[in-house]
C-alpha atoms as a PDB file:
ATOM      1  CA  UNK A   1      -8.911 -13.881   8.048  1.00  0.00           C
ATOM      2  CA  UNK A   2      -5.571 -15.484   8.689  1.00  0.00           C
ATOM      3  CA  UNK A   3      -3.479 -14.345  11.614  1.00  0.00           C
ATOM      4  CA  UNK A   4       0.089 -13.481  10.615  1.00  0.00           C
ATOM      5  CA  UNK A   5       1.457 -13.033  14.093  1.00  0.00           C
ATOM      6  CA  UNK A   6       0.965 -16.414  15.746  1.00  0.00           C
ATOM      7  CA  UNK A   7       4.734 -16.537  16.749  1.00  0.00           C
ATOM      8  CA  UNK A   8       5.968 -13.705  18.866  1.00  0.00           C
ATOM      9  CA  UNK A   9       9.202 -12.387  17.418  1.00  0.00           C
ATOM     10  CA  UNK A  10      11.699 -10.532  19.597  1.00  0.00           C
ATOM     11  CA  UNK A  11      12.803  -7.058  18.782  1.00  0.00           C
ATOM     12  CA  UNK A  12      16.348  -8.314  18.279  1.00  0.00           C
ATOM     13  CA  UNK A  13      15.156 -10.852  15.705  1.00  0.00           C
ATOM     14  CA  UNK A  14      13.108  -8.145  13.888  1.00  0.00           C
ATOM     15  CA  UNK A  15      16.097  -5.805  13.830  1.00  0.00           C
ATOM     16  CA  UNK A  16      18.387  -8.529  12.467  1.00  0.00           C
ATOM     17  CA  UNK A  17      15.926  -9.496   9.591  1.00  0.00           C
ATOM     18  CA  UNK A  18      15.427  -5.819   8.628  1.00  0.00           C
ATOM     19  CA  UNK A  19      19.181  -5.380   8.564  1.00  0.00           C
ATOM     20  CA  UNK A  20      19.492  -8.395   6.264  1.00  0.00           C
ATOM     21  CA  UNK A  21      16.873  -6.918   4.043  1.00  0.00           C
ATOM     22  CA  UNK A  22      18.673  -3.653   3.849  1.00  0.00           C
ATOM     23  CA  UNK A  23      21.772  -5.503   2.690  1.00  0.00           C
ATOM     24  CA  UNK A  24      19.689  -7.096  -0.074  1.00  0.00           C
ATOM     25  CA  UNK A  25      18.471  -3.651  -1.141  1.00  0.00           C
ATOM     26  CA  UNK A  26      21.915  -2.098  -1.165  1.00  0.00           C
ATOM     27  CA  UNK A  27      23.197  -4.938  -3.339  1.00  0.00           C
ATOM     28  CA  UNK A  28      20.606  -4.224  -6.105  1.00  0.00           C
ATOM     29  CA  UNK A  29      21.582  -2.155  -9.157  1.00  0.00           C
ATOM     30  CA  UNK A  30      20.470   1.476  -8.962  1.00  0.00           C
ATOM     31  CA  UNK A  31      17.946   2.069 -11.721  1.00  0.00           C
ATOM     32  CA  UNK A  32      16.241   5.369 -12.380  1.00  0.00           C
ATOM     33  CA  UNK A  33      12.558   5.066 -11.456  1.00  0.00           C
ATOM     34  CA  UNK A  34       9.939   5.854 -13.986  1.00  0.00           C
ATOM     35  CA  UNK A  35       8.328   8.046 -11.371  1.00  0.00           C
ATOM     36  CA  UNK A  36      11.486  10.154 -10.926  1.00  0.00           C
ATOM     37  CA  UNK A  37      10.895  12.452 -13.889  1.00  0.00           C
ATOM     38  CA  UNK A  38       7.288  13.009 -12.833  1.00  0.00           C
ATOM     39  CA  UNK A  39       8.247  13.518  -9.138  1.00  0.00           C
ATOM     40  CA  UNK A  40      11.130  15.909  -9.765  1.00  0.00           C
ATOM     41  CA  UNK A  41       8.698  18.791 -10.158  1.00  0.00           C
ATOM     42  CA  UNK A  42       6.231  17.717  -7.387  1.00  0.00           C
ATOM     43  CA  UNK A  43       5.928  19.444  -4.023  1.00  0.00           C
ATOM     44  CA  UNK A  44       7.631  17.887  -0.999  1.00  0.00           C
ATOM     45  CA  UNK A  45       5.457  15.538   1.057  1.00  0.00           C
ATOM     46  CA  UNK A  46       4.978  17.207   4.351  1.00  0.00           C
ATOM     47  CA  UNK A  47       2.341  14.796   5.881  1.00  0.00           C
ATOM     48  CA  UNK A  48      -0.223  17.755   5.912  1.00  0.00           C
ATOM     49  CA  UNK A  49      -2.884  16.348   3.575  1.00  0.00           C
ATOM     50  CA  UNK A  50      -5.282  13.491   3.898  1.00  0.00           C
ATOM     51  CA  UNK A  51      -4.148  11.343   0.880  1.00  0.00           C
ATOM     52  CA  UNK A  52      -1.050  10.330  -0.857  1.00  0.00           C
ATOM     53  CA  UNK A  53       0.429   8.273  -3.731  1.00  0.00           C
ATOM     54  CA  UNK A  54       3.192   5.929  -2.415  1.00  0.00           C
ATOM     55  CA  UNK A  55       4.809   4.214  -5.275  1.00  0.00           C
ATOM     56  CA  UNK A  56       1.958   2.146  -6.831  1.00  0.00           C
ATOM     57  CA  UNK A  57      -0.190   2.652  -3.738  1.00  0.00           C
ATOM     58  CA  UNK A  58      -3.073   4.981  -2.969  1.00  0.00           C
ATOM     59  CA  UNK A  59      -3.325   6.011   0.678  1.00  0.00           C
ATOM     60  CA  UNK A  60      -6.058   7.713   2.613  1.00  0.00           C
ATOM     61  CA  UNK A  61      -5.685   9.160   6.156  1.00  0.00           C
ATOM     62  CA  UNK A  62      -8.415  10.105   8.599  1.00  0.00           C
ATOM     63  CA  UNK A  63      -8.377  13.518  10.140  1.00  0.00           C
ATOM     64  CA  UNK A  64      -7.661  11.918  13.543  1.00  0.00           C
ATOM     65  CA  UNK A  65      -4.120  11.094  12.432  1.00  0.00           C
ATOM     66  CA  UNK A  66      -1.021  12.981  13.501  1.00  0.00           C
ATOM     67  CA  UNK A  67       1.767  13.769  11.060  1.00  0.00           C
ATOM     68  CA  UNK A  68       3.938  11.208  12.927  1.00  0.00           C
ATOM     69  CA  UNK A  69       1.419   8.499  12.481  1.00  0.00           C
ATOM     70  CA  UNK A  70       0.983   9.223   8.763  1.00  0.00           C
ATOM     71  CA  UNK A  71       4.680   9.093   8.278  1.00  0.00           C
ATOM     72  CA  UNK A  72       4.890   5.713  10.004  1.00  0.00           C
ATOM     73  CA  UNK A  73       2.252   4.370   7.667  1.00  0.00           C
ATOM     74  CA  UNK A  74       4.042   5.787   4.545  1.00  0.00           C
ATOM     75  CA  UNK A  75       7.444   4.594   5.552  1.00  0.00           C
ATOM     76  CA  UNK A  76       6.472   1.050   6.450  1.00  0.00           C
ATOM     77  CA  UNK A  77       4.321   0.670   3.400  1.00  0.00           C
ATOM     78  CA  UNK A  78       6.938   2.092   0.957  1.00  0.00           C
ATOM     79  CA  UNK A  79       9.632  -0.081   2.501  1.00  0.00           C
ATOM     80  CA  UNK A  80       7.597  -3.308   2.303  1.00  0.00           C
ATOM     81  CA  UNK A  81       6.467  -2.431  -1.230  1.00  0.00           C
ATOM     82  CA  UNK A  82       9.985  -1.556  -2.436  1.00  0.00           C
ATOM     83  CA  UNK A  83      11.535  -4.763  -1.252  1.00  0.00           C
ATOM     84  CA  UNK A  84       8.677  -7.088  -2.327  1.00  0.00           C
ATOM     85  CA  UNK A  85       8.921  -5.679  -5.903  1.00  0.00           C
ATOM     86  CA  UNK A  86      12.768  -6.115  -5.886  1.00  0.00           C
ATOM     87  CA  UNK A  87      12.546  -9.769  -4.733  1.00  0.00           C
ATOM     88  CA  UNK A  88       9.601 -10.800  -6.885  1.00  0.00           C
ATOM     89  CA  UNK A  89       9.239  -8.580  -9.965  1.00  0.00           C
ATOM     90  CA  UNK A  90       7.723 -11.085 -12.397  1.00  0.00           C
ATOM     91  CA  UNK A  91       3.974 -11.139 -13.110  1.00  0.00           C
ATOM     92  CA  UNK A  92       3.899 -14.875 -12.180  1.00  0.00           C
ATOM     93  CA  UNK A  93       5.255 -14.010  -8.702  1.00  0.00           C
ATOM     94  CA  UNK A  94       2.258 -12.103  -7.558  1.00  0.00           C
ATOM     95  CA  UNK A  95       1.437 -14.215  -4.531  1.00  0.00           C
ATOM     96  CA  UNK A  96       5.179 -14.421  -3.407  1.00  0.00           C
ATOM     97  CA  UNK A  97       5.267 -10.642  -3.758  1.00  0.00           C
ATOM     98  CA  UNK A  98       2.208 -10.062  -1.579  1.00  0.00           C
ATOM     99  CA  UNK A  99       3.349 -12.564   1.070  1.00  0.00           C
ATOM    100  CA  UNK A 100       6.789 -10.791   1.195  1.00  0.00           C
ATOM    101  CA  UNK A 101       5.055  -7.425   1.536  1.00  0.00           C
ATOM    102  CA  UNK A 102       3.024  -8.704   4.423  1.00  0.00           C
ATOM    103  CA  UNK A 103       6.104 -10.329   6.063  1.00  0.00           C
ATOM    104  CA  UNK A 104       7.895  -6.970   5.966  1.00  0.00           C
ATOM    105  CA  UNK A 105       4.975  -5.064   7.339  1.00  0.00           C
ATOM    106  CA  UNK A 106       5.009  -7.481  10.271  1.00  0.00           C
ATOM    107  CA  UNK A 107       8.718  -6.956  10.803  1.00  0.00           C
ATOM    108  CA  UNK A 108       8.174  -3.213  10.717  1.00  0.00           C
ATOM    109  CA  UNK A 109       5.794  -3.538  13.780  1.00  0.00           C
ATOM    110  CA  UNK A 110       2.274  -4.216  12.398  1.00  0.00           C
ATOM    111  CA  UNK A 111      -0.034  -6.845  13.901  1.00  0.00           C
ATOM    112  CA  UNK A 112      -1.765  -8.147  10.829  1.00  0.00           C
ATOM    113  CA  UNK A 113      -4.720 -10.268   9.670  1.00  0.00           C
ATOM    114  CA  UNK A 114      -4.727 -11.131   6.065  1.00  0.00           C
ATOM    115  CA  UNK A 115      -7.119 -12.715   3.497  1.00  0.00           C
ATOM    116  CA  UNK A 116      -5.670 -15.368   1.165  1.00  0.00           C
ATOM    117  CA  UNK A 117      -4.419 -14.260  -2.193  1.00  0.00           C
ATOM    118  CA  UNK A 118      -7.214 -15.184  -4.610  1.00  0.00           C
ATOM    119  CA  UNK A 119      -8.386 -14.617  -8.160  1.00  0.00           C
ATOM    120  CA  UNK A 120     -11.099 -12.001  -8.263  1.00  0.00           C
ATOM    121  CA  UNK A 121     -14.444 -13.146  -9.519  1.00  0.00           C
ATOM    122  CA  UNK A 122     -16.423 -10.463 -11.396  1.00  0.00           C
ATOM    123  CA  UNK A 123     -20.167 -10.342 -11.306  1.00  0.00           C
ATOM    124  CA  UNK A 124     -20.676  -8.518 -14.587  1.00  0.00           C
ATOM    125  CA  UNK A 125     -19.291  -8.242 -18.039  1.00  0.00           C
ATOM    126  CA  UNK A 126     -17.726  -4.768 -17.315  1.00  0.00           C
ATOM    127  CA  UNK A 127     -15.833  -3.497 -14.212  1.00  0.00           C
ATOM    128  CA  UNK A 128     -13.651  -0.559 -13.164  1.00  0.00           C
ATOM    129  CA  UNK A 129     -10.442  -1.119 -11.215  1.00  0.00           C
ATOM    130  CA  UNK A 130     -11.291   1.597  -8.727  1.00  0.00           C
ATOM    131  CA  UNK A 131     -14.449  -0.313  -7.774  1.00  0.00           C
ATOM    132  CA  UNK A 132     -12.525  -3.569  -7.587  1.00  0.00           C
ATOM    133  CA  UNK A 133      -9.977  -2.219  -5.157  1.00  0.00           C
ATOM    134  CA  UNK A 134     -12.609  -0.506  -3.074  1.00  0.00           C
ATOM    135  CA  UNK A 135     -14.637  -3.764  -2.900  1.00  0.00           C
ATOM    136  CA  UNK A 136     -11.544  -5.671  -1.676  1.00  0.00           C
ATOM    137  CA  UNK A 137     -10.698  -3.033   0.909  1.00  0.00           C
ATOM    138  CA  UNK A 138     -14.241  -2.851   2.238  1.00  0.00           C
ATOM    139  CA  UNK A 139     -14.270  -6.705   2.565  1.00  0.00           C
ATOM    140  CA  UNK A 140     -10.936  -6.531   4.543  1.00  0.00           C
ATOM    141  CA  UNK A 141     -12.408  -3.816   6.802  1.00  0.00           C
ATOM    142  CA  UNK A 142     -15.573  -5.850   7.425  1.00  0.00           C
ATOM    143  CA  UNK A 143     -13.463  -8.785   8.453  1.00  0.00           C
ATOM    144  CA  UNK A 144     -11.326  -6.774  10.870  1.00  0.00           C
ATOM    145  CA  UNK A 145     -10.831  -8.303  14.359  1.00  0.00           C
ATOM    146  CA  UNK A 146     -11.077  -6.335  17.574  1.00  0.00           C
ATOM    147  CA  UNK A 147     -12.220  -3.072  15.980  1.00  0.00           C
ATOM    148  CA  UNK A 148     -15.481  -1.309  16.818  1.00  0.00           C
ATOM    149  CA  UNK A 149     -18.021  -0.602  14.172  1.00  0.00           C
ATOM    150  CA  UNK A 150     -17.368   3.087  14.416  1.00  0.00           C
ATOM    151  CA  UNK A 151     -13.687   2.605  13.668  1.00  0.00           C
ATOM    152  CA  UNK A 152     -14.460   0.233  10.728  1.00  0.00           C
ATOM    153  CA  UNK A 153     -16.849   2.894   9.345  1.00  0.00           C
ATOM    154  CA  UNK A 154     -14.155   5.487   9.413  1.00  0.00           C
ATOM    155  CA  UNK A 155     -11.813   3.282   7.381  1.00  0.00           C
ATOM    156  CA  UNK A 156     -14.386   2.594   4.763  1.00  0.00           C
ATOM    157  CA  UNK A 157     -15.341   6.343   4.496  1.00  0.00           C
ATOM    158  CA  UNK A 158     -11.630   7.297   4.226  1.00  0.00           C
ATOM    159  CA  UNK A 159     -11.145   4.894   1.327  1.00  0.00           C
ATOM    160  CA  UNK A 160     -14.180   6.146  -0.646  1.00  0.00           C
ATOM    161  CA  UNK A 161     -13.207   9.778  -0.038  1.00  0.00           C
ATOM    162  CA  UNK A 162      -9.651   9.200  -1.127  1.00  0.00           C
ATOM    163  CA  UNK A 163     -10.726   7.529  -4.396  1.00  0.00           C
ATOM    164  CA  UNK A 164     -13.151  10.421  -5.110  1.00  0.00           C
ATOM    165  CA  UNK A 165     -10.405  12.963  -4.459  1.00  0.00           C
ATOM    166  CA  UNK A 166      -8.016  11.207  -6.764  1.00  0.00           C
ATOM    167  CA  UNK A 167     -10.302  11.802  -9.762  1.00  0.00           C
ATOM    168  CA  UNK A 168      -9.653  15.513  -9.444  1.00  0.00           C
ATOM    169  CA  UNK A 169      -5.884  15.388  -8.954  1.00  0.00           C
ATOM    170  CA  UNK A 170      -4.265  14.980 -12.336  1.00  0.00           C
ATOM    171  CA  UNK A 171      -0.635  14.981 -10.990  1.00  0.00           C
ATOM    172  CA  UNK A 172      -1.386  12.380  -8.467  1.00  0.00           C
ATOM    173  CA  UNK A 173      -3.290  10.192 -10.881  1.00  0.00           C
ATOM    174  CA  UNK A 174      -0.580  10.434 -13.535  1.00  0.00           C
ATOM    175  CA  UNK A 175       2.116   9.367 -10.879  1.00  0.00           C
ATOM    176  CA  UNK A 176      -0.099   6.468  -9.851  1.00  0.00           C
ATOM    177  CA  UNK A 177      -0.636   5.329 -13.529  1.00  0.00           C
ATOM    178  CA  UNK A 178       3.104   5.513 -14.207  1.00  0.00           C
ATOM    179  CA  UNK A 179       3.923   3.467 -11.164  1.00  0.00           C
ATOM    180  CA  UNK A 180       1.198   0.821 -11.437  1.00  0.00           C
ATOM    181  CA  UNK A 181       1.225  -0.184 -15.112  1.00  0.00           C
ATOM    182  CA  UNK A 182       3.540  -2.889 -16.479  1.00  0.00           C
ATOM    183  CA  UNK A 183       3.812  -4.310 -19.978  1.00  0.00           C
ATOM    184  CA  UNK A 184       1.577  -7.275 -19.296  1.00  0.00           C
ATOM    185  CA  UNK A 185      -0.754  -5.595 -16.898  1.00  0.00           C
ATOM    186  CA  UNK A 186      -0.077  -3.985 -13.496  1.00  0.00           C
ATOM    187  CA  UNK A 187      -0.325  -4.084  -9.842  1.00  0.00           C
ATOM    188  CA  UNK A 188      -1.364  -1.592  -7.106  1.00  0.00           C
ATOM    189  CA  UNK A 189      -2.569  -1.233  -3.619  1.00  0.00           C
ATOM    190  CA  UNK A 190      -5.086   0.974  -1.708  1.00  0.00           C
ATOM    191  CA  UNK A 191      -4.957   1.696   1.887  1.00  0.00           C
ATOM    192  CA  UNK A 192      -7.024   3.617   4.613  1.00  0.00           C
ATOM    193  CA  UNK A 193      -5.664   4.510   8.079  1.00  0.00           C
ATOM    194  CA  UNK A 194      -7.047   5.915  11.260  1.00  0.00           C
ATOM    195  CA  UNK A 195      -5.728   6.597  14.752  1.00  0.00           C
ATOM    196  CA  UNK A 196      -7.361   5.856  18.082  1.00  0.00           C
ATOM    197  CA  UNK A 197      -7.337   8.067  21.259  1.00  0.00           C
ATOM    198  CA  UNK A 198      -4.291   6.133  22.662  1.00  0.00           C
ATOM    199  CA  UNK A 199      -2.283   6.728  19.413  1.00  0.00           C
ATOM    200  CA  UNK A 200      -2.656   3.267  18.012  1.00  0.00           C
ATOM    201  CA  UNK A 201      -2.941   3.069  14.217  1.00  0.00           C
ATOM    202  CA  UNK A 202      -5.323   0.854  12.295  1.00  0.00           C
ATOM    203  CA  UNK A 203      -4.581   0.245   8.620  1.00  0.00           C
ATOM    204  CA  UNK A 204      -6.629  -1.585   5.955  1.00  0.00           C
ATOM    205  CA  UNK A 205      -4.929  -2.587   2.679  1.00  0.00           C
ATOM    206  CA  UNK A 206      -6.283  -3.964  -0.589  1.00  0.00           C
ATOM    207  CA  UNK A 207      -3.758  -5.390  -3.127  1.00  0.00           C
ATOM    208  CA  UNK A 208      -4.702  -5.991  -6.783  1.00  0.00           C
ATOM    209  CA  UNK A 209      -2.821  -7.405  -9.749  1.00  0.00           C
ATOM    210  CA  UNK A 210      -4.192  -7.615 -13.149  1.00  0.00           C
ATOM    211  CA  UNK A 211      -2.981  -9.269 -16.357  1.00  0.00           C
ATOM    212  CA  UNK A 212      -4.276  -7.882 -19.656  1.00  0.00           C
ATOM    213  CA  UNK A 213      -3.602  -8.673 -23.345  1.00  0.00           C
ATOM    214  CA  UNK A 214      -4.085  -4.983 -24.172  1.00  0.00           C
ATOM    215  CA  UNK A 215      -2.987  -2.251 -21.831  1.00  0.00           C
ATOM    216  CA  UNK A 216      -5.399   0.659 -21.857  1.00  0.00           C
ATOM    217  CA  UNK A 217      -4.350   4.259 -21.441  1.00  0.00           C
ATOM    218  CA  UNK A 218      -5.835   4.439 -17.937  1.00  0.00           C
ATOM    219  CA  UNK A 219      -6.023   1.974 -15.045  1.00  0.00           C
ATOM    220  CA  UNK A 220      -8.644   3.582 -12.848  1.00  0.00           C
ATOM    221  CA  UNK A 221     -11.976   5.269 -13.681  1.00  0.00           C
ATOM    222  CA  UNK A 222     -12.384   3.485 -17.054  1.00  0.00           C
ATOM    223  CA  UNK A 223     -14.350   0.366 -17.993  1.00  0.00           C
ATOM    224  CA  UNK A 224     -12.675  -2.940 -18.432  1.00  0.00           C
ATOM    225  CA  UNK A 225     -14.178  -5.919 -20.182  1.00  0.00           C
ATOM    226  CA  UNK A 226     -14.034  -8.785 -17.751  1.00  0.00           C
ATOM    227  CA  UNK A 227     -13.181 -11.250 -20.546  1.00  0.00           C
ATOM    228  CA  UNK A 228     -10.042  -9.202 -21.424  1.00  0.00           C
ATOM    229  CA  UNK A 229      -8.509  -9.059 -17.897  1.00  0.00           C
ATOM    230  CA  UNK A 230      -7.472 -11.489 -15.175  1.00  0.00           C
ATOM    231  CA  UNK A 231      -7.471 -10.033 -11.716  1.00  0.00           C
ATOM    232  CA  UNK A 232      -5.940 -11.312  -8.385  1.00  0.00           C
ATOM    233  CA  UNK A 233      -6.549  -9.699  -5.030  1.00  0.00           C
ATOM    234  CA  UNK A 234      -5.859  -9.890  -1.224  1.00  0.00           C
ATOM    235  CA  UNK A 235      -6.808  -7.744   1.679  1.00  0.00           C
ATOM    236  CA  UNK A 236      -5.515  -7.112   5.183  1.00  0.00           C
ATOM    237  CA  UNK A 237      -6.189  -5.196   8.317  1.00  0.00           C
ATOM    238  CA  UNK A 238      -3.360  -4.211  10.653  1.00  0.00           C
ATOM    239  CA  UNK A 239      -2.737  -2.491  14.035  1.00  0.00           C
ATOM    240  CA  UNK A 240       0.399  -0.863  15.348  1.00  0.00           C
ATOM    241  CA  UNK A 241       1.489   0.738  18.516  1.00  0.00           C
ATOM    242  CA  UNK A 242       4.309   3.167  17.779  1.00  0.00           C
ATOM    243  CA  UNK A 243       6.668   1.440  20.227  1.00  0.00           C
ATOM    244  CA  UNK A 244       6.662  -1.603  18.096  1.00  0.00           C
ATOM    245  CA  UNK A 245       8.053   0.452  15.225  1.00  0.00           C
ATOM    246  CA  UNK A 246      10.595   2.619  17.056  1.00  0.00           C
ATOM    247  CA  UNK A 247      13.511   0.079  17.244  1.00  0.00           C
ATOM    248  CA  UNK A 248      13.553  -0.671  13.478  1.00  0.00           C
ATOM    249  CA  UNK A 249      12.683   2.876  12.326  1.00  0.00           C
ATOM    250  CA  UNK A 250      16.269   4.033  11.784  1.00  0.00           C
ATOM    251  CA  UNK A 251      16.935   1.017   9.443  1.00  0.00           C
ATOM    252  CA  UNK A 252      13.721   1.635   7.496  1.00  0.00           C
ATOM    253  CA  UNK A 253      14.361   5.384   7.078  1.00  0.00           C
ATOM    254  CA  UNK A 254      17.973   4.788   6.058  1.00  0.00           C
ATOM    255  CA  UNK A 255      16.872   2.328   3.285  1.00  0.00           C
ATOM    256  CA  UNK A 256      14.187   4.695   2.006  1.00  0.00           C
ATOM    257  CA  UNK A 257      16.536   7.658   2.044  1.00  0.00           C
ATOM    258  CA  UNK A 258      19.042   5.707  -0.213  1.00  0.00           C
ATOM    259  CA  UNK A 259      16.150   4.659  -2.523  1.00  0.00           C
ATOM    260  CA  UNK A 260      14.467   8.019  -2.646  1.00  0.00           C
ATOM    261  CA  UNK A 261      13.689   7.913  -6.387  1.00  0.00           C
ATOM    262  CA  UNK A 262      11.933   4.551  -5.977  1.00  0.00           C
ATOM    263  CA  UNK A 263      10.222   5.407  -2.676  1.00  0.00           C
ATOM    264  CA  UNK A 264       8.501   8.581  -3.894  1.00  0.00           C
ATOM    265  CA  UNK A 265       5.489   9.854  -1.978  1.00  0.00           C
ATOM    266  CA  UNK A 266       3.225  12.636  -3.073  1.00  0.00           C
ATOM    267  CA  UNK A 267       0.415  14.215  -1.031  1.00  0.00           C
ATOM    268  CA  UNK A 268      -2.948  15.289  -2.363  1.00  0.00           C
ATOM    269  CA  UNK A 269      -6.455  15.898  -1.023  1.00  0.00           C
ATOM    270  CA  UNK A 270      -7.334  18.232   1.867  1.00  0.00           C
ATOM    271  CA  UNK A 271      -5.462  19.586   4.783  1.00  0.00           C
ATOM    272  CA  UNK A 272      -5.830  17.664   8.110  1.00  0.00           C
END
């Protein structure tokens, strides 16, 4: 995997770049999110369950994680995802969008290793998007640097359990479908997170973009013909110490508060 943190950036530099990004967000026209009408009747996210929909992302959390750690994952992910989509909304900007997402996760305090953005190679004539994203995430976990096998197994298990739970959560699945589909295809992410005994957070992320001539009713849990869809993907593993996030947290929370309709998060799954 490619190390994204070769150059050590000072806290002051990170703060300045996040502030500049917030100015960019504030200058964008305020559009009503497609998820707002769905989200208006959903329960408030209290970081009490082990899975969540975050924009076009599906997140799973191990039982080891505190509410504070889950909120850090959600806030940094939603911030990076929101800005990347605002800067690079077009279908032909998929690689720039992913690189911007990873740049912002680094600014938020994550130490990240990332796979290159590649075209997905299918091995059969049929596929399902849920299996594609799980395959990408498992590959990212398997390539993780500096993590013990027990920790890597936890991340893989969290991802599998989260996808299984989503099948039985119609509100969460509807929100995900609304956020991930676009006219010419769609894009989405899946992540799995755990926390070590010292409070450090490990996060694995798989990003998928698909281009299709005909948009089916559902994205996940349905068969796609490989000849009718073009898929691109990338994966990453990340580590964070909370102290690396603390300085920029006020700026990130402020931006998300002002963009609440676009940064909707909805919990599902089991209590932790």
